Amino acid sequence: MKLTLILLSILGLTWSQELECHCGIFATVDHVSVYEVYRLLPLNLNSCDEINECTLFCIAETDVVYDNGGLDYIPPGETLTVGEQSCINLNEVHGVPDLEPTPAEISLEVGID
């Protein structure tokens, strides 16, 4: 009986989790460490097989940022630019207070959140 209850609890947790596609903007520090400096909005997926949908979504979300000013873009409902949020994240989350000019990279990830 206890085993059945445990299995049902695990199954319920699995059903309650959503499969999401995550896109982010990353910066490489000292040619070694790569940090996510800004996370774009996620996309809910039905299956891990939807990698093409995830890729196209990440490209579209990135285009919105870069077509509207890049690091100077202020997302709807926000008060800080993507660049300001990225610098704050680098400092507060990753402990990198200063960063020389560096190219930003875009990456995607499919996972359960």
N, C-alpha and C. Protein backbone atom coordinates (compact mmCIF):
# COMPACT_ATOMS: atom_id res chain seq x y z
N MET A 1 0.82 -1.19 0.00
CA MET A 1 0.00 0.00 0.00
C MET A 1 0.88 1.27 0.00
N LYS A 2 1.91 1.25 0.84
CA LYS A 2 2.81 2.42 0.89
C LYS A 2 3.52 2.62 -0.44
N LEU A 3 3.93 1.50 -1.07
CA LEU A 3 4.61 1.59 -2.36
C LEU A 3 3.70 2.20 -3.41
N THR A 4 2.44 1.81 -3.41
CA THR A 4 1.47 2.36 -4.36
C THR A 4 1.30 3.86 -4.13
N LEU A 5 1.22 4.27 -2.88
CA LEU A 5 1.07 5.69 -2.56
C LEU A 5 2.30 6.48 -3.01
N ILE A 6 3.49 5.93 -2.80
CA ILE A 6 4.71 6.61 -3.23
C ILE A 6 4.75 6.74 -4.75
N LEU A 7 4.41 5.65 -5.46
CA LEU A 7 4.41 5.70 -6.92
C LEU A 7 3.40 6.71 -7.45
N LEU A 8 2.22 6.76 -6.84
CA LEU A 8 1.21 7.74 -7.26
C LEU A 8 1.69 9.17 -7.00
N SER A 9 2.39 9.38 -5.90
CA SER A 9 2.92 10.72 -5.59
C SER A 9 3.95 11.14 -6.63
N ILE A 10 4.85 10.23 -6.99
CA ILE A 10 5.87 10.54 -8.00
C ILE A 10 5.22 10.81 -9.34
N LEU A 11 4.23 9.99 -9.71
CA LEU A 11 3.52 10.18 -10.96
C LEU A 11 2.81 11.54 -10.99
N GLY A 12 2.21 11.92 -9.87
CA GLY A 12 1.55 13.23 -9.79
C GLY A 12 2.52 14.37 -9.94
N LEU A 13 3.71 14.26 -9.36
CA LEU A 13 4.72 15.30 -9.51
C LEU A 13 5.18 15.41 -10.95
N THR A 14 5.33 14.28 -11.61
CA THR A 14 5.76 14.29 -13.01
C THR A 14 4.72 14.96 -13.88
N TRP A 15 3.45 14.67 -13.66
CA TRP A 15 2.40 15.29 -14.46
C TRP A 15 2.30 16.78 -14.22
N SER A 16 2.63 17.23 -13.00
CA SER A 16 2.47 18.65 -12.68
C SER A 16 3.61 19.50 -13.24
N GLN A 17 4.72 18.86 -13.64
CA GLN A 17 5.84 19.62 -14.18
C GLN A 17 5.63 19.88 -15.67
N GLU A 18 6.07 21.03 -16.12
CA GLU A 18 5.92 21.39 -17.52
C GLU A 18 7.24 21.26 -18.25
N LEU A 19 7.15 20.79 -19.47
CA LEU A 19 8.32 20.69 -20.33
C LEU A 19 8.48 22.03 -21.02
N GLU A 20 9.64 22.66 -20.86
CA GLU A 20 9.85 23.99 -21.40
C GLU A 20 11.13 24.08 -22.23
N CYS A 21 11.08 24.96 -23.19
CA CYS A 21 12.24 25.33 -23.99
C CYS A 21 12.77 26.63 -23.38
N HIS A 22 14.03 26.65 -23.00
CA HIS A 22 14.64 27.85 -22.42
C HIS A 22 15.66 28.42 -23.39
N CYS A 23 15.63 29.73 -23.55
CA CYS A 23 16.59 30.44 -24.39
C CYS A 23 17.31 31.45 -23.50
N GLY A 24 18.57 31.62 -23.73
CA GLY A 24 19.31 32.58 -22.93
C GLY A 24 20.41 33.26 -23.71
N ILE A 25 20.85 34.37 -23.17
CA ILE A 25 22.00 35.09 -23.71
C ILE A 25 23.16 34.84 -22.76
N PHE A 26 24.28 34.40 -23.31
CA PHE A 26 25.43 33.99 -22.51
C PHE A 26 26.65 34.85 -22.84
N ALA A 27 27.50 35.03 -21.85
CA ALA A 27 28.76 35.75 -22.04
C ALA A 27 29.91 34.86 -21.60
N THR A 28 31.00 34.90 -22.36
CA THR A 28 32.20 34.15 -22.00
C THR A 28 33.16 35.09 -21.29
N VAL A 29 33.61 34.68 -20.12
CA VAL A 29 34.50 35.50 -19.30
C VAL A 29 35.90 34.87 -19.33
N ASP A 30 36.90 35.68 -19.67
CA ASP A 30 38.30 35.24 -19.71
C ASP A 30 38.50 34.03 -20.63
N HIS A 31 37.74 33.94 -21.67
CA HIS A 31 37.84 32.86 -22.66
C HIS A 31 37.67 31.47 -22.04
N VAL A 32 37.12 31.40 -20.82
CA VAL A 32 37.00 30.12 -20.14
C VAL A 32 35.58 29.86 -19.65
N SER A 33 35.09 30.71 -18.79
CA SER A 33 33.79 30.51 -18.15
C SER A 33 32.67 31.11 -18.98
N VAL A 34 31.58 30.37 -19.12
CA VAL A 34 30.41 30.84 -19.85
C VAL A 34 29.27 31.00 -18.84
N TYR A 35 28.68 32.20 -18.81
CA TYR A 35 27.62 32.50 -17.86
C TYR A 35 26.35 32.92 -18.59
N GLU A 36 25.22 32.43 -18.11
CA GLU A 36 23.94 32.93 -18.63
C GLU A 36 23.72 34.29 -17.98
N VAL A 37 23.61 35.32 -18.82
CA VAL A 37 23.44 36.67 -18.29
C VAL A 37 22.01 37.16 -18.41
N TYR A 38 21.24 36.54 -19.30
CA TYR A 38 19.85 36.96 -19.47
C TYR A 38 19.04 35.78 -19.98
N ARG A 39 17.92 35.51 -19.33
CA ARG A 39 17.04 34.42 -19.77
C ARG A 39 15.80 35.01 -20.44
N LEU A 40 15.56 34.53 -21.65
CA LEU A 40 14.37 34.95 -22.39
C LEU A 40 13.17 34.15 -21.90
N LEU A 41 11.97 34.54 -22.34
CA LEU A 41 10.76 33.84 -21.93
C LEU A 41 10.81 32.39 -22.40
N PRO A 42 10.29 31.45 -21.58
CA PRO A 42 10.27 30.04 -21.99
C PRO A 42 9.07 29.73 -22.89
N LEU A 43 9.15 28.60 -23.57
CA LEU A 43 8.07 28.10 -24.41
C LEU A 43 7.67 26.74 -23.88
N ASN A 44 6.38 26.54 -23.59
CA ASN A 44 5.89 25.24 -23.16
C ASN A 44 5.86 24.29 -24.34
N LEU A 45 6.34 23.07 -24.13
CA LEU A 45 6.40 22.06 -25.17
C LEU A 45 5.55 20.85 -24.78
N ASN A 46 5.17 20.07 -25.77
CA ASN A 46 4.43 18.83 -25.52
C ASN A 46 5.37 17.64 -25.41
N SER A 47 6.56 17.74 -25.99
CA SER A 47 7.48 16.61 -26.03
C SER A 47 8.90 17.10 -26.23
N CYS A 48 9.86 16.29 -25.81
CA CYS A 48 11.28 16.62 -26.01
C CYS A 48 11.67 16.53 -27.48
N ASP A 49 10.79 15.97 -28.30
CA ASP A 49 11.07 15.86 -29.74
C ASP A 49 10.85 17.17 -30.48
N GLU A 50 10.33 18.19 -29.81
CA GLU A 50 10.02 19.46 -30.47
C GLU A 50 11.22 20.40 -30.50
N ILE A 51 12.39 19.87 -30.79
CA ILE A 51 13.62 20.67 -30.79
C ILE A 51 13.58 21.74 -31.88
N ASN A 52 12.98 21.44 -33.03
CA ASN A 52 12.88 22.45 -34.09
C ASN A 52 12.03 23.63 -33.65
N GLU A 53 10.90 23.35 -32.98
CA GLU A 53 10.04 24.41 -32.47
C GLU A 53 10.79 25.26 -31.46
N CYS A 54 11.57 24.60 -30.60
CA CYS A 54 12.36 25.31 -29.59
C CYS A 54 13.39 26.21 -30.27
N THR A 55 14.08 25.69 -31.26
CA THR A 55 15.10 26.45 -31.97
C THR A 55 14.49 27.68 -32.65
N LEU A 56 13.38 27.49 -33.36
CA LEU A 56 12.73 28.61 -34.04
C LEU A 56 12.22 29.64 -33.05
N PHE A 57 11.70 29.18 -31.91
CA PHE A 57 11.22 30.09 -30.87
C PHE A 57 12.37 30.93 -30.32
N CYS A 58 13.50 30.29 -30.05
CA CYS A 58 14.66 31.02 -29.52
C CYS A 58 15.17 32.05 -30.52
N ILE A 59 15.19 31.69 -31.78
CA ILE A 59 15.61 32.64 -32.82
C ILE A 59 14.67 33.83 -32.85
N ALA A 60 13.36 33.57 -32.80
CA ALA A 60 12.37 34.65 -32.84
C ALA A 60 12.48 35.55 -31.61
N GLU A 61 12.66 34.96 -30.43
CA GLU A 61 12.78 35.75 -29.20
C GLU A 61 14.05 36.60 -29.23
N THR A 62 15.13 36.03 -29.73
CA THR A 62 16.38 36.77 -29.84
C THR A 62 16.24 37.91 -30.84
N ASP A 63 15.55 37.65 -31.95
CA ASP A 63 15.31 38.70 -32.95
C ASP A 63 14.55 39.87 -32.35
N VAL A 64 13.57 39.59 -31.48
CA VAL A 64 12.81 40.67 -30.83
C VAL A 64 13.76 41.56 -30.05
N VAL A 65 14.66 40.95 -29.29
CA VAL A 65 15.61 41.74 -28.49
C VAL A 65 16.53 42.56 -29.39
N TYR A 66 17.15 41.91 -30.38
CA TYR A 66 18.14 42.60 -31.20
C TYR A 66 17.52 43.55 -32.22
N ASP A 67 16.30 43.29 -32.66
CA ASP A 67 15.63 44.21 -33.58
C ASP A 67 15.11 45.46 -32.87
N ASN A 68 15.07 45.43 -31.53
CA ASN A 68 14.55 46.55 -30.76
C ASN A 68 15.62 47.20 -29.89
N GLY A 69 16.86 47.11 -30.30
CA GLY A 69 17.91 47.82 -29.57
C GLY A 69 18.95 46.95 -28.93
N GLY A 70 18.81 45.63 -29.01
CA GLY A 70 19.82 44.75 -28.43
C GLY A 70 19.89 44.91 -26.92
N LEU A 71 21.07 45.20 -26.42
CA LEU A 71 21.25 45.35 -24.98
C LEU A 71 20.55 46.58 -24.43
N ASP A 72 20.13 47.50 -25.32
CA ASP A 72 19.38 48.69 -24.89
C ASP A 72 17.87 48.46 -24.88
N TYR A 73 17.42 47.27 -25.29
CA TYR A 73 16.00 46.94 -25.34
C TYR A 73 15.43 46.80 -23.92
N ILE A 74 14.28 47.42 -23.70
CA ILE A 74 13.57 47.27 -22.43
C ILE A 74 12.35 46.38 -22.68
N PRO A 75 12.36 45.14 -22.17
CA PRO A 75 11.22 44.24 -22.40
C PRO A 75 9.93 44.79 -21.79
N PRO A 76 8.79 44.43 -22.35
CA PRO A 76 7.50 44.88 -21.81
C PRO A 76 7.37 44.54 -20.33
N GLY A 77 6.91 45.50 -19.55
CA GLY A 77 6.72 45.30 -18.12
C GLY A 77 7.98 45.44 -17.29
N GLU A 78 9.11 45.72 -17.92
CA GLU A 78 10.38 45.87 -17.21
C GLU A 78 10.78 47.35 -17.18
N THR A 79 11.69 47.68 -16.28
CA THR A 79 12.19 49.06 -16.20
C THR A 79 13.67 49.15 -16.56
N LEU A 80 14.34 48.01 -16.63
CA LEU A 80 15.76 47.99 -16.96
C LEU A 80 15.97 47.40 -18.34
N THR A 81 17.04 47.82 -18.99
CA THR A 81 17.37 47.27 -20.31
C THR A 81 17.90 45.84 -20.15
N VAL A 82 17.95 45.11 -21.26
CA VAL A 82 18.54 43.77 -21.25
C VAL A 82 20.00 43.86 -20.80
N GLY A 83 20.72 44.87 -21.25
CA GLY A 83 22.11 45.05 -20.84
C GLY A 83 22.26 45.30 -19.35
N GLU A 84 21.40 46.16 -18.79
CA GLU A 84 21.47 46.43 -17.35
C GLU A 84 21.15 45.17 -16.55
N GLN A 85 20.11 44.45 -16.98
CA GLN A 85 19.76 43.20 -16.29
C GLN A 85 20.89 42.18 -16.39
N SER A 86 21.55 42.14 -17.55
CA SER A 86 22.66 41.21 -17.75
C SER A 86 23.83 41.53 -16.82
N CYS A 87 24.16 42.81 -16.70
CA CYS A 87 25.26 43.23 -15.81
C CYS A 87 24.94 42.92 -14.35
N ILE A 88 23.71 43.19 -13.94
CA ILE A 88 23.29 42.89 -12.57
C ILE A 88 23.40 41.39 -12.32
N ASN A 89 22.93 40.58 -13.27
CA ASN A 89 22.98 39.13 -13.13
C ASN A 89 24.43 38.63 -13.05
N LEU A 90 25.29 39.16 -13.90
CA LEU A 90 26.71 38.77 -13.86
C LEU A 90 27.32 39.06 -12.50
N ASN A 91 27.00 40.21 -11.93
CA ASN A 91 27.57 40.61 -10.66
C ASN A 91 26.95 39.83 -9.50
N GLU A 92 25.62 39.83 -9.41
CA GLU A 92 24.95 39.25 -8.24
C GLU A 92 24.92 37.72 -8.25
N VAL A 93 24.77 37.12 -9.41
CA VAL A 93 24.66 35.66 -9.48
C VAL A 93 26.01 34.99 -9.69
N HIS A 94 26.84 35.59 -10.54
CA HIS A 94 28.09 34.93 -10.92
C HIS A 94 29.34 35.58 -10.31
N GLY A 95 29.17 36.70 -9.60
CA GLY A 95 30.31 37.35 -8.96
C GLY A 95 31.30 37.99 -9.91
N VAL A 96 30.81 38.43 -11.07
CA VAL A 96 31.67 39.10 -12.05
C VAL A 96 31.25 40.57 -12.10
N PRO A 97 31.96 41.45 -11.35
CA PRO A 97 31.54 42.85 -11.29
C PRO A 97 31.85 43.66 -12.54
N ASP A 98 32.90 43.30 -13.26
CA ASP A 98 33.29 44.03 -14.47
C ASP A 98 33.55 43.02 -15.58
N LEU A 99 33.18 43.41 -16.79
CA LEU A 99 33.40 42.54 -17.94
C LEU A 99 33.84 43.39 -19.12
N GLU A 100 34.97 43.02 -19.69
CA GLU A 100 35.42 43.69 -20.91
C GLU A 100 34.39 43.43 -22.01
N PRO A 101 34.33 44.29 -23.03
CA PRO A 101 33.41 44.02 -24.14
C PRO A 101 33.64 42.60 -24.69
N THR A 102 32.56 41.87 -24.81
CA THR A 102 32.64 40.48 -25.25
C THR A 102 31.41 40.13 -26.07
N PRO A 103 31.56 39.27 -27.07
CA PRO A 103 30.38 38.88 -27.85
C PRO A 103 29.40 38.08 -26.98
N ALA A 104 28.12 38.29 -27.21
CA ALA A 104 27.09 37.52 -26.52
C ALA A 104 26.72 36.34 -27.40
N GLU A 105 26.46 35.21 -26.78
CA GLU A 105 26.06 34.01 -27.50
C GLU A 105 24.63 33.65 -27.09
N ILE A 106 23.90 33.06 -28.01
CA ILE A 106 22.54 32.63 -27.74
C ILE A 106 22.55 31.11 -27.64
N SER A 107 21.83 30.58 -26.66
CA SER A 107 21.77 29.14 -26.50
C SER A 107 20.35 28.74 -26.14
N LEU A 108 20.01 27.46 -26.35
CA LEU A 108 18.69 26.96 -25.99
C LEU A 108 18.84 25.66 -25.24
N GLU A 109 17.79 25.33 -24.48
CA GLU A 109 17.80 24.13 -23.67
C GLU A 109 16.36 23.66 -23.53
N VAL A 110 16.14 22.36 -23.66
CA VAL A 110 14.82 21.79 -23.43
C VAL A 110 14.90 21.05 -22.11
N GLY A 111 14.00 21.37 -21.18
CA GLY A 111 14.03 20.70 -19.89
C GLY A 111 12.71 20.81 -19.17
N ILE A 112 12.62 20.12 -18.05
CA ILE A 112 11.41 20.14 -17.24
C ILE A 112 11.63 21.11 -16.10
N ASP A 113 10.70 22.03 -15.94
CA ASP A 113 10.74 22.98 -14.82
C ASP A 113 9.52 22.80 -13.96
